[in-house]
């Protein structure tokens, strides 16, 4: 019998369904990693960087350009805005 739970969801959404969101939220709160950020929260950064790793993308600029093709598909993950490469770069430099 085929499992149709993920029908219509992108591969990224299916992949992130295996990572419990509450664990990411707990660690984010414990480390205060969202303290100075308005739009680029830790969860979004994790999604963007894992996307780059999965797709073997070499630069942040390429990650941001590739994500623009998934704009509507990322709403299942709770991502409403795609980052500029400078925003993603700042988040990578300033977060532990």
C-alpha atoms as a PDB file:
ATOM      1  CA  UNK A   1       0.000   0.000   0.000  1.00  0.00           C
ATOM      2  CA  UNK A   2       1.403   3.393  -0.983  1.00  0.00           C
ATOM      3  CA  UNK A   3       1.684   6.117   1.639  1.00  0.00           C
ATOM      4  CA  UNK A   4       0.214   9.328   0.206  1.00  0.00           C
ATOM      5  CA  UNK A   5       0.864  11.455   3.276  1.00  0.00           C
ATOM      6  CA  UNK A   6       3.370  13.614   1.368  1.00  0.00           C
ATOM      7  CA  UNK A   7       1.456  13.896  -1.885  1.00  0.00           C
ATOM      8  CA  UNK A   8       1.944  17.399  -3.296  1.00  0.00           C
ATOM      9  CA  UNK A   9       4.766  18.311  -0.931  1.00  0.00           C
ATOM     10  CA  UNK A  10       8.255  19.042  -2.203  1.00  0.00           C
ATOM     11  CA  UNK A  11      11.160  16.767  -1.310  1.00  0.00           C
ATOM     12  CA  UNK A  12      12.416  19.493   1.045  1.00  0.00           C
ATOM     13  CA  UNK A  13       9.157  19.489   2.974  1.00  0.00           C
ATOM     14  CA  UNK A  14       9.261  15.716   3.225  1.00  0.00           C
ATOM     15  CA  UNK A  15      12.863  15.818   4.434  1.00  0.00           C
ATOM     16  CA  UNK A  16      12.148  18.411   7.140  1.00  0.00           C
ATOM     17  CA  UNK A  17       9.133  16.507   8.381  1.00  0.00           C
ATOM     18  CA  UNK A  18      11.652  14.115   9.997  1.00  0.00           C
ATOM     19  CA  UNK A  19      13.249  16.914  12.057  1.00  0.00           C
ATOM     20  CA  UNK A  20      11.072  17.772  15.071  1.00  0.00           C
ATOM     21  CA  UNK A  21      10.422  21.515  15.004  1.00  0.00           C
ATOM     22  CA  UNK A  22      10.048  21.694  18.785  1.00  0.00           C
ATOM     23  CA  UNK A  23      13.678  20.549  19.226  1.00  0.00           C
ATOM     24  CA  UNK A  24      14.916  23.348  16.980  1.00  0.00           C
ATOM     25  CA  UNK A  25      12.746  25.856  18.876  1.00  0.00           C
ATOM     26  CA  UNK A  26      14.075  24.642  22.251  1.00  0.00           C
ATOM     27  CA  UNK A  27      17.714  24.979  21.201  1.00  0.00           C
ATOM     28  CA  UNK A  28      17.031  28.371  19.630  1.00  0.00           C
ATOM     29  CA  UNK A  29      15.483  29.618  22.867  1.00  0.00           C
ATOM     30  CA  UNK A  30      18.243  28.106  25.010  1.00  0.00           C
ATOM     31  CA  UNK A  31      21.012  29.721  22.930  1.00  0.00           C
ATOM     32  CA  UNK A  32      19.113  32.980  22.231  1.00  0.00           C
ATOM     33  CA  UNK A  33      20.149  32.716  18.605  1.00  0.00           C
ATOM     34  CA  UNK A  34      17.161  34.736  17.328  1.00  0.00           C
ATOM     35  CA  UNK A  35      17.800  37.652  19.656  1.00  0.00           C
ATOM     36  CA  UNK A  36      18.832  40.275  17.090  1.00  0.00           C
ATOM     37  CA  UNK A  37      17.088  38.919  13.984  1.00  0.00           C
ATOM     38  CA  UNK A  38      13.673  39.889  12.670  1.00  0.00           C
ATOM     39  CA  UNK A  39      13.177  37.823   9.503  1.00  0.00           C
ATOM     40  CA  UNK A  40      16.124  35.403   9.376  1.00  0.00           C
ATOM     41  CA  UNK A  41      15.401  33.119  12.293  1.00  0.00           C
ATOM     42  CA  UNK A  42      17.430  30.042  13.143  1.00  0.00           C
ATOM     43  CA  UNK A  43      14.938  27.604  11.646  1.00  0.00           C
ATOM     44  CA  UNK A  44      14.927  29.420   8.297  1.00  0.00           C
ATOM     45  CA  UNK A  45      18.720  29.509   8.279  1.00  0.00           C
ATOM     46  CA  UNK A  46      18.797  25.765   8.961  1.00  0.00           C
ATOM     47  CA  UNK A  47      16.400  25.107   6.072  1.00  0.00           C
ATOM     48  CA  UNK A  48      18.387  27.279   3.666  1.00  0.00           C
ATOM     49  CA  UNK A  49      21.771  25.846   4.603  1.00  0.00           C
ATOM     50  CA  UNK A  50      20.573  22.225   4.520  1.00  0.00           C
ATOM     51  CA  UNK A  51      19.030  22.925   1.120  1.00  0.00           C
ATOM     52  CA  UNK A  52      22.446  24.124  -0.055  1.00  0.00           C
ATOM     53  CA  UNK A  53      24.080  21.002   1.348  1.00  0.00           C
ATOM     54  CA  UNK A  54      21.558  18.610  -0.189  1.00  0.00           C
ATOM     55  CA  UNK A  55      21.785  20.259  -3.600  1.00  0.00           C
ATOM     56  CA  UNK A  56      25.599  20.597  -3.353  1.00  0.00           C
ATOM     57  CA  UNK A  57      25.396  24.326  -3.993  1.00  0.00           C
ATOM     58  CA  UNK A  58      28.762  26.046  -3.621  1.00  0.00           C
ATOM     59  CA  UNK A  59      27.816  29.668  -2.780  1.00  0.00           C
ATOM     60  CA  UNK A  60      25.219  31.559  -0.761  1.00  0.00           C
ATOM     61  CA  UNK A  61      24.264  33.546  -3.837  1.00  0.00           C
ATOM     62  CA  UNK A  62      23.488  30.315  -5.701  1.00  0.00           C
ATOM     63  CA  UNK A  63      21.462  29.013  -2.762  1.00  0.00           C
ATOM     64  CA  UNK A  64      19.331  32.174  -2.765  1.00  0.00           C
ATOM     65  CA  UNK A  65      18.819  32.040  -6.537  1.00  0.00           C
ATOM     66  CA  UNK A  66      17.871  28.356  -6.423  1.00  0.00           C
ATOM     67  CA  UNK A  67      15.460  28.951  -3.541  1.00  0.00           C
ATOM     68  CA  UNK A  68      13.577  31.500  -5.636  1.00  0.00           C
ATOM     69  CA  UNK A  69      12.317  28.591  -7.749  1.00  0.00           C
ATOM     70  CA  UNK A  70      10.842  26.979  -4.615  1.00  0.00           C
ATOM     71  CA  UNK A  71       9.173  30.144  -3.359  1.00  0.00           C
ATOM     72  CA  UNK A  72       5.618  28.757  -3.082  1.00  0.00           C
ATOM     73  CA  UNK A  73       6.738  25.266  -2.086  1.00  0.00           C
ATOM     74  CA  UNK A  74       8.426  26.408   1.131  1.00  0.00           C
ATOM     75  CA  UNK A  75       5.219  27.685   2.721  1.00  0.00           C
ATOM     76  CA  UNK A  76       4.625  24.156   4.077  1.00  0.00           C
ATOM     77  CA  UNK A  77       7.774  24.681   6.146  1.00  0.00           C
ATOM     78  CA  UNK A  78       6.540  28.026   7.491  1.00  0.00           C
ATOM     79  CA  UNK A  79       8.907  30.114   5.365  1.00  0.00           C
ATOM     80  CA  UNK A  80       7.236  33.230   4.020  1.00  0.00           C
ATOM     81  CA  UNK A  81      10.214  35.303   2.844  1.00  0.00           C
ATOM     82  CA  UNK A  82      13.338  34.252   0.983  1.00  0.00           C
ATOM     83  CA  UNK A  83      16.588  35.839   2.125  1.00  0.00           C
ATOM     84  CA  UNK A  84      19.009  37.998   0.240  1.00  0.00           C
ATOM     85  CA  UNK A  85      22.458  36.457   0.058  1.00  0.00           C
ATOM     86  CA  UNK A  86      23.817  39.238   2.306  1.00  0.00           C
ATOM     87  CA  UNK A  87      21.228  38.430   5.000  1.00  0.00           C
ATOM     88  CA  UNK A  88      22.102  34.743   4.881  1.00  0.00           C
ATOM     89  CA  UNK A  89      25.798  35.596   5.002  1.00  0.00           C
ATOM     90  CA  UNK A  90      25.327  37.851   8.039  1.00  0.00           C
ATOM     91  CA  UNK A  91      23.372  35.130   9.829  1.00  0.00           C
ATOM     92  CA  UNK A  92      26.147  32.605   9.123  1.00  0.00           C
ATOM     93  CA  UNK A  93      28.839  34.967  10.395  1.00  0.00           C
ATOM     94  CA  UNK A  94      27.063  36.129  13.548  1.00  0.00           C
ATOM     95  CA  UNK A  95      25.477  32.943  14.868  1.00  0.00           C
ATOM     96  CA  UNK A  96      27.440  30.302  16.725  1.00  0.00           C
END
